[in-house]
Amino acid sequence: MKLIIFNNLYDFTNVRKTTNNDILYNRVFKTLQSIYNQFIIVSIDKILNKRVAKVIWLMRD
């Protein structure tokens, strides 16, 4: 099994805003988990007024 690793940006501007980063991370994690097999959120930034998570996807070849 080979893993393909690449960077991507996940826009979660529309995720309900919260002051608790743990809850926010958890919501983004669960949303992505329902779509992709494995992934690692490495950072969350605000880019052009959008909240974006930089994600490393680990996909089966």
C-alpha atoms as a PDB file:
ATOM      1  CA  MET A   1       0.000   0.000   0.000  1.00  0.00           C
ATOM      2  CA  LYS A   2       1.374   3.397  -0.996  1.00  0.00           C
ATOM      3  CA  LEU A   3       0.333   6.703   0.524  1.00  0.00           C
ATOM      4  CA  ILE A   4       0.070   9.797  -1.621  1.00  0.00           C
ATOM      5  CA  ILE A   5       0.719  12.900   0.465  1.00  0.00           C
ATOM      6  CA  PHE A   6      -0.185  16.364  -0.764  1.00  0.00           C
ATOM      7  CA  ASN A   7      -1.263  19.722   0.627  1.00  0.00           C
ATOM      8  CA  ASN A   8      -4.694  21.153   0.173  1.00  0.00           C
ATOM      9  CA  LEU A   9      -6.819  23.955   1.602  1.00  0.00           C
ATOM     10  CA  TYR A  10     -10.210  23.250   3.118  1.00  0.00           C
ATOM     11  CA  ASP A  11     -12.522  26.258   3.334  1.00  0.00           C
ATOM     12  CA  PHE A  12     -14.700  26.059   6.440  1.00  0.00           C
ATOM     13  CA  THR A  13     -15.831  29.686   6.512  1.00  0.00           C
ATOM     14  CA  ASN A  14     -19.432  28.523   6.777  1.00  0.00           C
ATOM     15  CA  VAL A  15     -18.761  26.282   9.761  1.00  0.00           C
ATOM     16  CA  ARG A  16     -20.520  27.848  12.737  1.00  0.00           C
ATOM     17  CA  LYS A  17     -18.071  30.178  14.432  1.00  0.00           C
ATOM     18  CA  THR A  18     -16.931  29.378  17.940  1.00  0.00           C
ATOM     19  CA  THR A  19     -14.356  30.770  20.314  1.00  0.00           C
ATOM     20  CA  ASN A  20     -13.380  27.242  21.320  1.00  0.00           C
ATOM     21  CA  ASN A  21     -10.678  26.063  18.916  1.00  0.00           C
ATOM     22  CA  ASP A  22     -11.031  22.457  20.076  1.00  0.00           C
ATOM     23  CA  ILE A  23     -14.687  22.421  19.049  1.00  0.00           C
ATOM     24  CA  LEU A  24     -13.833  24.079  15.750  1.00  0.00           C
ATOM     25  CA  TYR A  25     -11.050  21.605  14.999  1.00  0.00           C
ATOM     26  CA  ASN A  26     -13.395  18.770  15.959  1.00  0.00           C
ATOM     27  CA  ARG A  27     -16.133  19.943  13.589  1.00  0.00           C
ATOM     28  CA  VAL A  28     -13.715  20.313  10.700  1.00  0.00           C
ATOM     29  CA  PHE A  29     -12.187  16.938  11.518  1.00  0.00           C
ATOM     30  CA  LYS A  30     -15.553  15.157  11.519  1.00  0.00           C
ATOM     31  CA  THR A  31     -16.627  16.865   8.296  1.00  0.00           C
ATOM     32  CA  LEU A  32     -13.453  15.809   6.504  1.00  0.00           C
ATOM     33  CA  GLN A  33     -13.492  12.366   8.095  1.00  0.00           C
ATOM     34  CA  SER A  34     -16.834  11.643   6.465  1.00  0.00           C
ATOM     35  CA  ILE A  35     -15.288  12.374   3.056  1.00  0.00           C
ATOM     36  CA  TYR A  36     -11.698  11.195   3.217  1.00  0.00           C
ATOM     37  CA  ASN A  37      -9.998   8.168   4.677  1.00  0.00           C
ATOM     38  CA  GLN A  38      -7.082   9.773   6.524  1.00  0.00           C
ATOM     39  CA  PHE A  39      -5.910  13.338   6.863  1.00  0.00           C
ATOM     40  CA  ILE A  40      -3.970  15.648   9.124  1.00  0.00           C
ATOM     41  CA  ILE A  41      -4.960  19.244   9.777  1.00  0.00           C
ATOM     42  CA  VAL A  42      -1.694  21.151  10.045  1.00  0.00           C
ATOM     43  CA  SER A  43      -2.890  24.716  10.342  1.00  0.00           C
ATOM     44  CA  ILE A  44      -5.914  26.990  10.303  1.00  0.00           C
ATOM     45  CA  ASP A  45      -5.535  30.434   8.821  1.00  0.00           C
ATOM     46  CA  LYS A  46      -7.730  33.292   7.753  1.00  0.00           C
ATOM     47  CA  ILE A  47      -7.125  33.927   4.052  1.00  0.00           C
ATOM     48  CA  LEU A  48      -9.030  36.647   2.201  1.00  0.00           C
ATOM     49  CA  ASN A  49     -11.627  36.726   4.990  1.00  0.00           C
ATOM     50  CA  LYS A  50     -12.166  32.974   4.734  1.00  0.00           C
ATOM     51  CA  ARG A  51     -11.235  30.526   7.460  1.00  0.00           C
ATOM     52  CA  VAL A  52      -9.104  27.892   5.787  1.00  0.00           C
ATOM     53  CA  ALA A  53      -7.527  24.728   7.117  1.00  0.00           C
ATOM     54  CA  LYS A  54      -4.326  23.507   5.512  1.00  0.00           C
ATOM     55  CA  VAL A  55      -4.689  19.768   5.230  1.00  0.00           C
ATOM     56  CA  ILE A  56      -2.389  16.900   4.350  1.00  0.00           C
ATOM     57  CA  TRP A  57      -4.403  14.074   2.813  1.00  0.00           C
ATOM     58  CA  LEU A  58      -3.167  10.507   3.093  1.00  0.00           C
ATOM     59  CA  MET A  59      -4.793   8.552   0.287  1.00  0.00           C
ATOM     60  CA  ARG A  60      -4.510   4.916  -0.648  1.00  0.00           C
ATOM     61  CA  ASP A  61      -3.028   4.330  -4.079  1.00  0.00           C
END
